[in-house]
């Protein structure tokens, strides 16, 4: 019987050791999961914080540019040529005009591109209502530039007036009356 007792003791001792090992493995795995979860959460928080910081960096320079006394570079939009018959004075006459438009910002430049058909229509109607004699003088050209600017601003932002208007100035790059 003594021989039988020893194997029973050995059999009982083995489950105690494997139970301790199993407990240690479980504790180590739990610690690993906790540490890995904490590290993952920390990385996600840092990534979100970095994205928030990037968004703030994009917003802040825009605010500082508006507040700074340094003027921003001008934004010009080139228009296609306008060729229109003028009101007849002494036979048929026409005008060919190419414009560049100075706008307050790039967004207004994009807005001009969106509204180009309507702007071109209004400018064509304005040009076709003029006489050659009105447009030959410097004052006539300046008045025409102001009228074109007003027409464009009316299309882009009907409520804007003066410095708030999107189009600051209309410049002639080519002006031919024949």
Protein backbone atom coordinates (compact mmCIF):
# COMPACT_ATOMS: atom_id res chain seq x y z
CA UNK A 1 0.00 0.00 0.00
CA UNK A 2 2.90 2.30 0.61
CA UNK A 3 3.82 2.07 -3.02
CA UNK A 4 0.33 3.06 -3.96
CA UNK A 5 0.40 6.11 -1.69
CA UNK A 6 3.40 7.63 -3.36
CA UNK A 7 1.83 7.77 -6.81
CA UNK A 8 -1.30 9.32 -5.31
CA UNK A 9 0.79 12.02 -3.65
CA UNK A 10 2.63 12.67 -6.89
CA UNK A 11 -0.67 12.87 -8.68
CA UNK A 12 -1.97 15.37 -6.12
CA UNK A 13 1.20 17.46 -6.25
CA UNK A 14 1.09 17.78 -10.01
CA UNK A 15 -2.34 19.50 -10.09
CA UNK A 16 -1.17 22.03 -7.47
CA UNK A 17 1.85 22.99 -9.58
CA UNK A 18 -0.19 23.24 -12.78
CA UNK A 19 -2.81 25.28 -10.88
CA UNK A 20 -0.12 27.73 -9.77
CA UNK A 21 1.32 27.87 -13.27
CA UNK A 22 -2.14 28.38 -14.71
CA UNK A 23 -2.80 31.17 -12.21
CA UNK A 24 0.52 32.83 -13.06
CA UNK A 25 -0.17 32.56 -16.81
CA UNK A 26 -3.65 34.07 -16.33
CA UNK A 27 -2.25 36.93 -14.22
CA UNK A 28 0.49 37.61 -16.79
CA UNK A 29 -2.06 37.57 -19.62
CA UNK A 30 -4.36 39.93 -17.70
CA UNK A 31 -1.47 42.29 -17.04
CA UNK A 32 -0.49 42.13 -20.73
CA UNK A 33 -4.07 42.89 -21.83
CA UNK A 34 -4.32 45.80 -19.38
CA UNK A 35 -0.95 47.25 -20.45
CA UNK A 36 -1.74 46.75 -24.17
CA UNK A 37 -5.18 48.33 -23.75
CA UNK A 38 -3.72 51.29 -21.89
CA UNK A 39 -1.04 51.76 -24.53
CA UNK A 40 -3.63 51.54 -27.32
CA UNK A 41 -5.87 54.06 -25.58
CA UNK A 42 -2.90 56.38 -25.08
CA UNK A 43 -1.96 56.15 -28.77
CA UNK A 44 -5.54 56.86 -29.85
CA UNK A 45 -5.72 59.86 -27.52
CA UNK A 46 -2.41 61.20 -28.85
CA UNK A 47 -3.55 60.71 -32.46
CA UNK A 48 -6.83 62.53 -31.76
CA UNK A 49 -4.92 65.29 -29.98
CA UNK A 50 -2.54 65.59 -32.95
CA UNK A 51 -5.49 65.81 -35.39
CA UNK A 52 -7.09 68.50 -33.21
CA UNK A 53 -3.80 70.39 -33.15
CA UNK A 54 -3.54 70.17 -36.95
CA UNK A 55 -7.08 71.53 -37.31
CA UNK A 56 -6.26 74.37 -34.94
CA UNK A 57 -3.10 75.16 -36.90
CA UNK A 58 -5.14 75.46 -40.09
CA UNK A 59 -7.68 77.77 -38.46
CA UNK A 60 -5.22 79.99 -36.58
CA UNK A 61 -3.17 81.26 -39.55
CA UNK A 62 -6.38 82.37 -41.26
CA UNK A 63 -7.34 84.37 -38.18
CA UNK A 64 -3.91 85.93 -37.85
CA UNK A 65 -3.86 86.90 -41.53
CA UNK A 66 -7.11 88.81 -41.08
CA UNK A 67 -5.77 90.60 -38.02
CA UNK A 68 -2.33 91.39 -39.41
CA UNK A 69 -1.69 94.79 -40.92
CA UNK A 70 0.29 93.20 -43.75
CA UNK A 71 -1.85 93.25 -46.91
CA UNK A 72 -2.42 89.97 -48.69
CA UNK A 73 -1.28 89.65 -52.31
CA UNK A 74 -3.93 90.56 -54.88
CA UNK A 75 -5.99 87.86 -56.57
CA UNK A 76 -6.75 88.36 -60.28
CA UNK A 77 -9.15 86.45 -62.48
CA UNK A 78 -8.69 86.69 -66.26
CA UNK A 79 -11.86 86.78 -68.34
CA UNK A 80 -12.27 85.68 -71.95
CA UNK A 81 -12.58 88.33 -74.65
CA UNK A 82 -15.86 90.18 -75.13
CA UNK A 83 -16.71 91.15 -78.73
CA UNK A 84 -19.91 93.16 -79.07
CA UNK A 85 -21.58 95.48 -81.59
CA UNK A 86 -21.89 99.02 -80.26
CA UNK A 87 -24.87 101.34 -80.65
CA UNK A 88 -24.44 102.69 -84.21
CA UNK A 89 -23.33 106.30 -84.61
CA UNK A 90 -21.68 106.34 -88.02
CA UNK A 91 -22.06 102.88 -89.43
CA UNK A 92 -21.48 99.57 -87.71
CA UNK A 93 -18.91 99.58 -84.92
CA UNK A 94 -17.84 96.94 -82.47
CA UNK A 95 -15.74 96.65 -79.36
CA UNK A 96 -13.43 93.88 -78.28
CA UNK A 97 -12.45 93.96 -74.61
CA UNK A 98 -10.37 91.57 -72.52
CA UNK A 99 -10.63 92.02 -68.75
CA UNK A 100 -8.82 90.98 -65.63
CA UNK A 101 -10.74 91.27 -62.40
CA UNK A 102 -9.18 91.93 -59.01
CA UNK A 103 -11.10 90.17 -56.24
CA UNK A 104 -10.83 90.26 -52.45
CA UNK A 105 -9.83 86.60 -52.05
CA UNK A 106 -9.40 83.30 -53.89
CA UNK A 107 -12.89 82.20 -52.85
CA UNK A 108 -14.36 85.16 -54.75
CA UNK A 109 -12.24 84.17 -57.75
CA UNK A 110 -13.77 80.70 -57.68
CA UNK A 111 -17.20 82.27 -57.34
CA UNK A 112 -16.58 84.29 -60.53
CA UNK A 113 -15.82 81.07 -62.38
CA UNK A 114 -19.08 79.55 -61.17
CA UNK A 115 -21.14 82.58 -62.25
CA UNK A 116 -19.24 83.24 -65.50
CA UNK A 117 -22.23 82.71 -67.85
CA UNK A 118 -24.39 85.22 -65.99
CA UNK A 119 -21.52 87.71 -65.61
CA UNK A 120 -20.66 87.46 -69.32
CA UNK A 121 -24.31 88.02 -70.25
CA UNK A 122 -24.59 91.14 -68.09
CA UNK A 123 -21.29 92.57 -69.35
CA UNK A 124 -22.28 91.88 -72.98
CA UNK A 125 -25.59 93.68 -72.47
CA UNK A 126 -23.80 96.61 -70.85
CA UNK A 127 -21.22 96.87 -73.64
CA UNK A 128 -23.85 96.63 -76.39
CA UNK A 129 -25.69 99.62 -74.89
CA UNK A 130 -22.66 101.92 -75.29
CA UNK A 131 -21.63 104.27 -78.11
CA UNK A 132 -18.05 104.37 -79.37
CA UNK A 133 -17.81 108.10 -78.60
CA UNK A 134 -18.59 107.39 -74.92
CA UNK A 135 -15.75 104.87 -74.63
CA UNK A 136 -12.91 106.61 -76.50
CA UNK A 137 -11.88 108.89 -73.61
CA UNK A 138 -10.02 107.85 -70.50
CA UNK A 139 -12.97 108.91 -68.34
CA UNK A 140 -15.31 106.82 -70.49
CA UNK A 141 -13.14 103.73 -70.01
CA UNK A 142 -12.92 104.34 -66.25
CA UNK A 143 -16.70 104.75 -66.02
CA UNK A 144 -17.16 101.53 -68.02
CA UNK A 145 -14.80 99.66 -65.67
CA UNK A 146 -16.85 100.85 -62.67
CA UNK A 147 -20.12 99.82 -64.34
CA UNK A 148 -18.71 96.37 -65.15
CA UNK A 149 -17.48 96.02 -61.55
CA UNK A 150 -20.93 96.95 -60.26
CA UNK A 151 -22.56 94.42 -62.62
CA UNK A 152 -20.24 91.66 -61.40
CA UNK A 153 -20.77 92.52 -57.74
CA UNK A 154 -24.53 92.53 -58.33
CA UNK A 155 -24.30 88.93 -59.57
CA UNK A 156 -21.81 87.68 -56.95
CA UNK A 157 -23.23 89.39 -53.85
CA UNK A 158 -26.16 91.77 -54.36
CA UNK A 159 -26.04 93.04 -50.76
CA UNK A 160 -22.32 93.91 -50.71
CA UNK A 161 -21.31 97.53 -51.14
CA UNK A 162 -17.93 99.29 -51.35
CA UNK A 163 -15.05 97.48 -49.66
CA UNK A 164 -17.27 94.51 -48.75
CA UNK A 165 -17.92 93.72 -52.43
CA UNK A 166 -16.10 90.70 -53.90
CA UNK A 167 -14.83 92.51 -57.02
CA UNK A 168 -12.43 95.31 -56.13
CA UNK A 169 -11.43 96.50 -59.57
CA UNK A 170 -11.87 95.76 -63.28
CA UNK A 171 -8.75 96.14 -65.41
CA UNK A 172 -8.66 96.26 -69.21
CA UNK A 173 -5.90 94.16 -70.73
CA UNK A 174 -7.11 94.81 -74.27
CA UNK A 175 -9.52 97.47 -75.54
CA UNK A 176 -10.28 97.76 -79.27
CA UNK A 177 -13.02 99.80 -80.91
CA UNK A 178 -13.43 99.48 -84.65
